[in-house]
Structures are given as structure tokens and as C-alpha cells.
Amino acid sequence: MKSHALILIVDDEDMNLQLLEVMLLPTGYTVLKAGNGREAVDFARRSRPDVILMDIMMPVMNGIEATRILKSDEATRDIPIVMTTALRDVQDRIRALEAGADDYMSKPFDMTELRIRVQTLVKVKAYHDHLKHHKDLLEQQVQERTQELQRAYERIQNVSLETIHILSRTAEFKDEGTGKHIQRIGGYAAAIARKIGLKPVTIERLLYAAPMHDIGKIAIPDAILLKPGKLDPDEWEIMKTHAAIGSEMLSVGKAAIIRLAAVIARTHHERWDGTGYPDGLVGRRIPLAGRIVTIADVFDALVSDRPYKKAFSVEEATRIIREGRGTHFDPEITDAFIDILPEIEAIRNNL
């Protein structure tokens, strides 16, 4: 038995309050007294008693209403309430139970019965408090562990993305500008994907997969890859093989990001009108990821210095993108890109 338990007794008759106090004090309980239902609600919210003995018929607020209020409040709903009354009408019992009362006792009280009932409810309340504390502790531990896992996942994400960037640069490591280029492509692709409403998991995969779009250039001779002038027809045919080579390199992977990267590597030079390479795909036959990375790659190439050209202004690059709508680029992707141009410029300026 919880000897230091707090019992709130509620009755508008002082004699009844004194009688109950006399019966309970010898058991070691602490007794708190209230003269009506409103006082009982206030005391219960402040003191959180272990058991409430609640009279039904009281002025200001009766016991039924007070019980209903306490049982509807999350802070007090678990406190056991024993309704007490001199009335013996069955309807009173029904009303008390409907209000949420846990037990019912008729006046005059039998001391032994009263003590046993209170003792039982104190144990029930103590057990309930123990379970609630254990539940709260478990929830806290789950939350802490979830936060730890989230932090670990974020660390893994950062390491994975950095690894992808490093591996992707191996294809073009002699070109100082490509490191930031591959990061920007991932950022542009993710921003476009958000604009057209793709799922968060797809957006994240694009962020990771898009930087690997040109990994096949590792097989292209430096004399062609870094040639400062225009490529001749034979050189151009060799350059174009990087798309298929990159896709073949990545196709051995089983992870979803690597499989997506293989698709992007092969299709990011396809054109909406079918004049792209390596497969001459038309329109929506080009995978969506390829269509997204195509416009991201072209834009960044236009606004960047290359061995064979100087960077265009953003305005000039945007004009070229607009002119390519429906021929080079998917019209929907083009519109989305134009709509988020300020975000695209922010990504470019930060990388």
C-alpha cells in the first residue's frame, strides 16, 4: 500500500468531511478536503491526488459535472474517482458511471469497506503511474535513439554524397571546373524535381545520381576531352560514346541510386525531338531523370568556361534554353526550370 498517497475528499457537509478524514488518516494517507465540485476540480489539477472520494449532491458544481470535467482532462483522467451519496436510486449510479466514475459507495460508510476500496484504488493508481512512467521512458529512449539514427544517417548521407562527387570527378579531374559542375548538376536536378512534384525519395536519389552523369568520360582520351577547339567528326563520335560507356560502367550496381545514375548517364544527351544520342529517343520515351539532367547539364555548361568556349551570361543561357523548348528539352521541364530560375542561380552562386 502506498502509505503517503494523497486522497481528495469532496463533500459540502463538514461532518462528512471530518468523518472521512478520521477513517483515512490512521491508514497513513494524506487527506485534502474540498467543499464542492469546482474546488475539487481546482485541487485535483494542482495536487494530482491518488484517489478522489466525490459526493454527488453539492452546490456550485455537483459531483457528476466535476467528474465529467476531470475525466475529460488528460492531466486528471487517470485519477480514480469514487462517487459517494446517500441516495440509493439506480439512476444515480448510472449517471455516475456514465460521467466516468471508477467506483460507487453509499452513505453511511462502512469503515472497513471504505479503507479496502481506497487501498485497492491507490494500488491501481500506483501501478498505472508506473506503467505510464515506463511508457514515457520508453518513448524518450525511442526518440533519443531515433535522433541518434537520424544523425548517423545524415553523416552517412554526407559521406556518400562526398564519395560520389570524388568518384565522379575522376572522369574529368584535369578540368578544374568540373568539381563544382557535378555538384551543381545534382542541386539543379533536385530543385527541378521538387518543382514538378516528385516524391522526396526520388528527389534525394536524383541529388545523388545526377553528379555521375558524365562518369563515362573517364574512357575519353584527354586530347579529345580537353581539346580547346571544335571537335572534328571522328572526335565527336568518340566523345559521344561516353554516354553509353558511363551507363555500362554503372549498370553493374544494384543500389537504386546507382541504377538511376546508369539511366541518367545514358540518356542525358537525348533530345525531345529525337535528334540526341546514343539512342535517338523521342519525347517521353526518354526517362524523366534523363530529361531533367539534360536541361541542368546544358544550362551549367552554357554559363561555365570550357576549354572550347567562354561562359555565357545567365540571360543568354536562359534564352537558349527557351529556344530549345520542345526540340532539345521537354516543354514541362523547361517551364519548371524557368519558374525556379532564382533558385537555380542561388545554387550556382553557392557552388
Protein backbone atom coordinates (compact mmCIF):
# COMPACT_ATOMS: atom_id res chain seq x y z
CA MET A 1 0.00 0.00 0.00
CA LYS A 2 1.21 3.49 -0.81
CA SER A 3 1.09 4.98 2.71
CA HIS A 4 1.92 8.51 1.59
CA ALA A 5 -0.86 8.59 -1.02
CA LEU A 6 -2.96 11.74 -1.31
CA ILE A 7 -6.73 11.33 -1.00
CA LEU A 8 -9.05 14.17 -2.02
CA ILE A 9 -12.45 14.01 -0.29
CA VAL A 10 -15.22 16.20 -1.66
CA ASP A 11 -18.46 16.93 0.22
CA ASP A 12 -20.48 20.02 1.09
CA GLU A 13 -21.14 18.71 4.61
CA ASP A 14 -18.32 19.37 7.08
CA MET A 15 -19.43 16.43 9.22
CA ASN A 16 -18.95 14.04 6.30
CA LEU A 17 -15.54 15.51 5.53
CA GLN A 18 -14.44 15.08 9.13
CA LEU A 19 -15.79 11.53 9.29
CA LEU A 20 -13.93 10.50 6.14
CA GLU A 21 -10.76 12.16 7.38
CA VAL A 22 -10.95 10.27 10.67
CA MET A 23 -11.41 6.99 8.81
CA LEU A 24 -8.48 7.58 6.43
CA LEU A 25 -5.80 9.30 8.49
CA PRO A 26 -4.91 6.22 10.60
CA THR A 27 -4.00 4.35 7.40
CA GLY A 28 -1.19 6.83 6.69
CA TYR A 29 -2.85 8.70 3.83
CA THR A 30 -2.60 12.46 3.37
CA VAL A 31 -6.11 13.94 3.15
CA LEU A 32 -7.14 17.02 1.17
CA LYS A 33 -10.68 18.39 1.54
CA ALA A 34 -12.94 20.30 -0.89
CA GLY A 35 -16.49 21.63 -0.32
CA ASN A 36 -17.89 21.42 -3.87
CA GLY A 37 -17.16 20.15 -7.36
CA ARG A 38 -15.46 23.32 -8.57
CA GLU A 39 -13.00 23.24 -5.67
CA ALA A 40 -12.43 19.56 -6.35
CA VAL A 41 -11.51 20.24 -9.99
CA ASP A 42 -9.09 23.01 -8.96
CA PHE A 43 -7.47 20.91 -6.20
CA ALA A 44 -7.18 17.87 -8.47
CA ARG A 45 -5.45 19.83 -11.21
CA ARG A 46 -2.98 21.38 -8.75
CA SER A 47 -2.32 18.46 -6.40
CA ARG A 48 -2.95 15.36 -8.55
CA PRO A 49 -4.39 13.14 -5.78
CA ASP A 50 -4.18 9.37 -5.98
CA VAL A 51 -7.91 8.85 -5.28
CA ILE A 52 -10.91 11.18 -5.13
CA LEU A 53 -13.99 10.48 -2.98
CA MET A 54 -16.66 12.64 -4.65
CA ASP A 55 -20.12 13.42 -3.27
CA ILE A 56 -22.85 13.75 -5.91
CA MET A 57 -25.26 16.32 -4.45
CA MET A 58 -23.32 19.60 -3.88
CA PRO A 59 -23.87 23.31 -4.53
CA VAL A 60 -21.85 25.40 -7.05
CA MET A 61 -20.94 22.27 -9.03
CA ASN A 62 -22.22 18.76 -8.36
CA GLY A 63 -20.08 15.65 -8.33
CA ILE A 64 -21.34 14.36 -11.70
CA GLU A 65 -20.21 17.51 -13.52
CA ALA A 66 -16.90 17.65 -11.66
CA THR A 67 -16.21 14.01 -12.53
CA ARG A 68 -17.05 14.64 -16.18
CA ILE A 69 -14.59 17.56 -16.28
CA LEU A 70 -11.80 15.62 -14.57
CA LYS A 71 -12.22 12.59 -16.79
CA SER A 72 -12.14 14.70 -19.94
CA ASP A 73 -8.85 16.34 -18.92
CA GLU A 74 -5.75 14.37 -19.93
CA ALA A 75 -3.92 15.58 -16.83
CA THR A 76 -6.53 14.17 -14.40
CA ARG A 77 -8.42 11.48 -16.31
CA ASP A 78 -6.43 8.63 -14.72
CA ILE A 79 -7.22 9.59 -11.12
CA PRO A 80 -9.70 7.03 -9.71
CA ILE A 81 -12.95 8.67 -8.59
CA VAL A 82 -15.34 7.04 -6.11
CA MET A 83 -18.81 8.60 -6.11
CA THR A 84 -20.43 8.88 -2.66
CA THR A 85 -24.07 9.66 -1.92
CA ALA A 86 -26.90 8.94 0.48
CA LEU A 87 -29.24 8.49 -2.49
CA ARG A 88 -29.87 4.90 -3.47
CA ASP A 89 -31.56 5.42 -6.82
CA VAL A 90 -30.06 3.17 -9.52
CA GLN A 91 -30.12 6.12 -11.90
CA ASP A 92 -27.62 7.93 -9.69
CA ARG A 93 -25.19 5.05 -10.09
CA ILE A 94 -25.73 5.01 -13.84
CA ARG A 95 -25.17 8.77 -14.13
CA ALA A 96 -22.01 8.49 -12.04
CA LEU A 97 -20.59 5.69 -14.20
CA GLU A 98 -21.55 7.49 -17.41
CA ALA A 99 -19.61 10.54 -16.17
CA GLY A 100 -16.54 8.33 -15.81
CA ALA A 101 -16.58 7.38 -12.11
CA ASP A 102 -14.49 4.31 -11.27
CA ASP A 103 -16.47 3.16 -8.22
CA TYR A 104 -19.54 3.96 -6.13
CA MET A 105 -20.21 3.94 -2.38
CA SER A 106 -23.38 4.68 -0.44
CA LYS A 107 -23.58 6.62 2.79
CA PRO A 108 -23.31 5.90 5.68
CA PHE A 109 -19.83 4.47 5.09
CA ASP A 110 -18.56 1.21 6.44
CA MET A 111 -15.02 1.97 7.58
CA THR A 112 -13.56 -1.40 6.60
CA GLU A 113 -15.14 -1.29 3.17
CA LEU A 114 -14.02 2.30 2.65
CA ARG A 115 -10.41 1.54 3.56
CA ILE A 116 -10.27 -1.57 1.38
CA ARG A 117 -11.71 0.23 -1.64
CA VAL A 118 -9.39 3.19 -1.25
CA GLN A 119 -6.42 0.90 -0.69
CA THR A 120 -7.26 -1.05 -3.86
CA LEU A 121 -7.63 2.10 -5.95
CA VAL A 122 -4.38 3.54 -4.58
CA LYS A 123 -2.60 0.37 -5.74
CA VAL A 124 -4.30 0.60 -9.13
CA LYS A 125 -3.26 4.23 -9.48
CA ALA A 126 0.32 3.44 -8.42
CA TYR A 127 0.51 0.61 -10.95
CA HIS A 128 -0.94 2.84 -13.66
CA ASP A 129 1.58 5.59 -12.82
CA HIS A 130 4.37 3.02 -13.01
CA LEU A 131 3.22 1.88 -16.46
CA LYS A 132 2.86 5.46 -17.66
CA HIS A 133 6.32 6.34 -16.40
CA HIS A 134 7.72 3.25 -18.08
CA LYS A 135 5.90 4.15 -21.32
CA ASP A 136 7.19 7.72 -21.17
CA LEU A 137 10.70 6.42 -20.52
CA LEU A 138 10.47 4.06 -23.48
CA GLU A 139 9.15 6.85 -25.72
CA GLN A 140 12.02 9.07 -24.62
CA GLN A 141 14.53 6.31 -25.32
CA VAL A 142 12.95 5.65 -28.72
CA GLN A 143 13.07 9.36 -29.52
CA GLU A 144 16.71 9.61 -28.44
CA ARG A 145 17.63 6.51 -30.44
CA THR A 146 15.71 7.84 -33.45
CA GLN A 147 17.62 11.11 -33.22
CA GLU A 148 20.90 9.19 -32.97
CA LEU A 149 19.98 7.13 -36.03
CA GLN A 150 18.95 10.27 -37.90
CA ARG A 151 22.29 11.90 -37.12
CA ALA A 152 24.10 8.73 -38.18
CA TYR A 153 22.04 8.59 -41.38
CA GLU A 154 22.85 12.22 -42.13
CA ARG A 155 26.56 11.51 -41.60
CA ILE A 156 26.33 8.53 -43.96
CA GLN A 157 24.47 10.69 -46.50
CA ASN A 158 27.14 13.37 -46.36
CA VAL A 159 29.93 10.82 -46.72
CA SER A 160 28.09 9.06 -49.56
CA LEU A 161 27.47 12.28 -51.46
CA GLU A 162 31.07 13.37 -50.99
CA THR A 163 32.25 9.96 -52.22
CA ILE A 164 30.03 10.24 -55.30
CA HIS A 165 31.42 13.69 -56.05
CA ILE A 166 35.01 12.48 -55.69
CA LEU A 167 34.44 9.41 -57.88
CA SER A 168 32.58 11.47 -60.48
CA ARG A 169 35.50 13.91 -60.71
CA THR A 170 37.85 11.10 -61.68
CA ALA A 171 36.32 11.25 -65.14
CA GLU A 172 37.33 14.90 -65.62
CA PHE A 173 39.86 15.59 -62.88
CA LYS A 174 42.15 17.55 -65.22
CA ASP A 175 39.43 20.16 -65.69
CA GLU A 176 39.38 22.32 -62.58
CA GLY A 177 35.83 23.46 -63.19
CA THR A 178 34.17 20.07 -63.20
CA GLY A 179 34.21 19.51 -59.43
CA LYS A 180 31.69 22.25 -58.77
CA HIS A 181 29.88 21.40 -62.00
CA ILE A 182 28.90 17.93 -60.85
CA GLN A 183 27.68 19.29 -57.51
CA ARG A 184 25.61 21.95 -59.26
CA ILE A 185 24.04 19.37 -61.56
CA GLY A 186 22.82 17.44 -58.52
CA GLY A 187 21.42 20.61 -56.96
CA TYR A 188 19.70 21.75 -60.17
CA ALA A 189 18.18 18.30 -60.76
CA ALA A 190 16.82 18.09 -57.20
CA ALA A 191 15.33 21.60 -57.47
CA ILE A 192 13.58 20.79 -60.76
CA ALA A 193 12.29 17.52 -59.33
CA ARG A 194 10.77 19.37 -56.37
CA LYS A 195 9.14 21.89 -58.68
CA ILE A 196 7.39 19.22 -60.76
CA GLY A 197 6.19 17.44 -57.61
CA LEU A 198 8.29 14.29 -57.47
CA LYS A 199 8.42 12.32 -54.22
CA PRO A 200 11.09 13.22 -51.64
CA VAL A 201 12.82 9.85 -52.07
CA THR A 202 13.11 10.44 -55.83
CA ILE A 203 14.42 13.96 -55.28
CA GLU A 204 17.09 12.62 -52.93
CA ARG A 205 18.11 9.91 -55.39
CA LEU A 206 18.45 12.50 -58.15
CA LEU A 207 20.65 14.62 -55.91
CA TYR A 208 22.99 11.64 -55.53
CA ALA A 209 22.71 10.13 -59.00
CA ALA A 210 22.86 13.21 -61.25
CA PRO A 211 26.54 14.02 -60.46
CA MET A 212 27.53 10.71 -62.07
CA HIS A 213 26.05 11.67 -65.46
CA ASP A 214 29.43 12.10 -67.21
CA ILE A 215 31.40 9.35 -65.48
CA GLY A 216 31.89 7.66 -68.84
CA LYS A 217 34.28 10.45 -69.85
CA ILE A 218 36.96 8.59 -67.95
CA ALA A 219 37.32 6.50 -71.13
CA ILE A 220 37.67 9.51 -73.44
CA PRO A 221 41.25 10.45 -74.43
CA ASP A 222 42.49 13.73 -72.95
CA ALA A 223 43.31 15.03 -76.41
CA ILE A 224 39.61 14.99 -77.19
CA LEU A 225 38.21 15.73 -73.75
CA LEU A 226 40.36 18.85 -73.23
CA LYS A 227 40.68 20.00 -76.84
CA PRO A 228 40.41 23.79 -76.89
CA GLY A 229 38.82 23.96 -80.32
CA LYS A 230 35.88 22.33 -82.05
CA LEU A 231 35.98 18.55 -82.35
CA ASP A 232 36.17 17.06 -85.83
CA PRO A 233 33.52 14.48 -86.84
CA ASP A 234 35.60 11.48 -85.80
CA GLU A 235 36.50 13.05 -82.45
CA TRP A 236 32.86 13.94 -81.87
CA GLU A 237 31.81 10.33 -82.44
CA ILE A 238 34.35 9.23 -79.85
CA MET A 239 33.18 11.88 -77.40
CA LYS A 240 29.57 10.73 -77.77
CA THR A 241 30.49 7.22 -76.63
CA HIS A 242 30.87 8.49 -73.04
CA ALA A 243 27.10 8.21 -72.51
CA ALA A 244 26.92 4.50 -73.28
CA ILE A 245 30.23 3.82 -71.55
CA GLY A 246 29.09 5.54 -68.36
CA SER A 247 25.83 3.63 -68.38
CA GLU A 248 27.65 0.34 -68.84
CA MET A 249 30.05 1.16 -66.00
CA LEU A 250 27.20 1.93 -63.62
CA SER A 251 24.86 -0.85 -64.73
CA VAL A 252 26.72 -3.38 -62.58
CA GLY A 253 25.45 -1.60 -59.46
CA LYS A 254 22.44 -2.89 -57.56
CA ALA A 255 21.63 0.13 -55.37
CA ALA A 256 18.71 2.27 -56.52
CA ILE A 257 20.89 5.39 -56.77
CA ILE A 258 23.47 3.64 -58.96
CA ARG A 259 20.77 2.16 -61.21
CA LEU A 260 19.27 5.64 -61.60
CA ALA A 261 22.72 7.05 -62.34
CA ALA A 262 23.14 4.46 -65.12
CA VAL A 263 19.87 5.64 -66.71
CA ILE A 264 20.95 9.28 -66.44
CA ALA A 265 24.41 8.59 -67.86
CA ARG A 266 22.88 7.01 -70.98
CA THR A 267 20.02 9.44 -71.58
CA HIS A 268 21.19 12.92 -70.54
CA HIS A 269 22.20 13.73 -74.15
CA GLU A 270 18.93 12.57 -75.67
CA ARG A 271 16.76 15.34 -77.15
CA TRP A 272 12.99 15.80 -77.02
CA ASP A 273 12.76 15.77 -80.84
CA GLY A 274 14.75 12.53 -81.18
CA THR A 275 17.98 14.01 -82.54
CA GLY A 276 20.05 13.22 -79.44
CA TYR A 277 22.37 10.34 -78.69
CA PRO A 278 23.11 7.47 -78.17
CA ASP A 279 19.65 6.02 -78.86
CA GLY A 280 17.72 8.82 -80.57
CA LEU A 281 14.82 8.55 -78.13
CA VAL A 282 11.83 10.84 -78.67
CA GLY A 283 9.70 12.74 -76.16
CA ARG A 284 8.51 10.81 -73.13
CA ARG A 285 10.38 7.72 -74.26
CA ILE A 286 13.36 9.50 -72.70
CA PRO A 287 13.33 8.63 -68.97
CA LEU A 288 12.23 11.53 -66.78
CA ALA A 289 15.53 11.61 -64.88
CA GLY A 290 17.39 11.97 -68.18
CA ARG A 291 15.13 14.82 -69.28
CA ILE A 292 15.73 16.64 -66.00
CA VAL A 293 19.51 16.25 -66.05
CA THR A 294 19.66 17.25 -69.74
CA ILE A 295 18.46 20.77 -69.07
CA ALA A 296 20.52 21.05 -65.87
CA ASP A 297 23.69 19.94 -67.69
CA VAL A 298 23.17 22.22 -70.70
CA PHE A 299 22.48 25.27 -68.54
CA ASP A 300 25.56 24.76 -66.40
CA ALA A 301 27.72 24.12 -69.45
CA LEU A 302 26.46 27.34 -71.05
CA VAL A 303 27.24 29.53 -68.03
CA SER A 304 30.65 27.91 -67.39
CA ASP A 305 34.04 28.32 -69.04
CA ARG A 306 35.11 25.32 -71.08
CA PRO A 307 38.36 24.59 -72.98
CA TYR A 308 36.48 25.36 -76.21
CA LYS A 309 34.42 28.43 -75.11
CA LYS A 310 33.89 31.26 -72.67
CA ALA A 311 30.93 31.28 -70.26
CA PHE A 312 27.64 32.78 -71.45
CA SER A 313 25.64 35.12 -69.24
CA VAL A 314 22.65 33.68 -67.36
CA GLU A 315 20.36 35.78 -69.58
CA GLU A 316 21.88 34.39 -72.77
CA ALA A 317 21.83 30.84 -71.40
CA THR A 318 18.17 31.25 -70.41
CA ARG A 319 17.34 32.49 -73.92
CA ILE A 320 18.97 29.40 -75.42
CA ILE A 321 17.05 27.15 -73.01
CA ARG A 322 13.78 28.83 -74.00
CA GLU A 323 14.57 28.39 -77.70
CA GLY A 324 15.21 24.68 -77.08
CA ARG A 325 11.75 24.12 -75.52
CA GLY A 326 10.01 21.33 -77.42
CA THR A 327 13.05 20.48 -79.56
CA HIS A 328 16.02 19.93 -77.28
CA PHE A 329 14.15 19.95 -73.98
CA ASP A 330 10.93 18.57 -72.50
CA PRO A 331 8.47 21.52 -72.51
CA GLU A 332 7.23 20.79 -68.98
CA ILE A 333 10.75 20.52 -67.59
CA THR A 334 11.71 23.73 -69.41
CA ASP A 335 8.79 25.62 -67.86
CA ALA A 336 9.66 24.30 -64.41
CA PHE A 337 13.29 25.30 -64.86
CA ILE A 338 12.35 28.84 -65.89
CA ASP A 339 9.95 29.14 -62.96
CA ILE A 340 12.68 28.34 -60.43
CA LEU A 341 15.47 30.27 -62.14
CA PRO A 342 16.18 32.33 -58.97
CA GLU A 343 16.70 29.07 -57.06
CA ILE A 344 18.91 27.74 -59.85
CA GLU A 345 21.04 30.91 -59.74
CA ALA A 346 21.31 30.62 -55.95
CA ILE A 347 22.63 27.07 -56.27
CA ARG A 348 25.09 28.20 -58.94
CA ASN A 349 26.33 31.13 -56.85
CA ASN A 350 26.83 28.95 -53.76
CA LEU A 351 28.83 26.23 -55.52
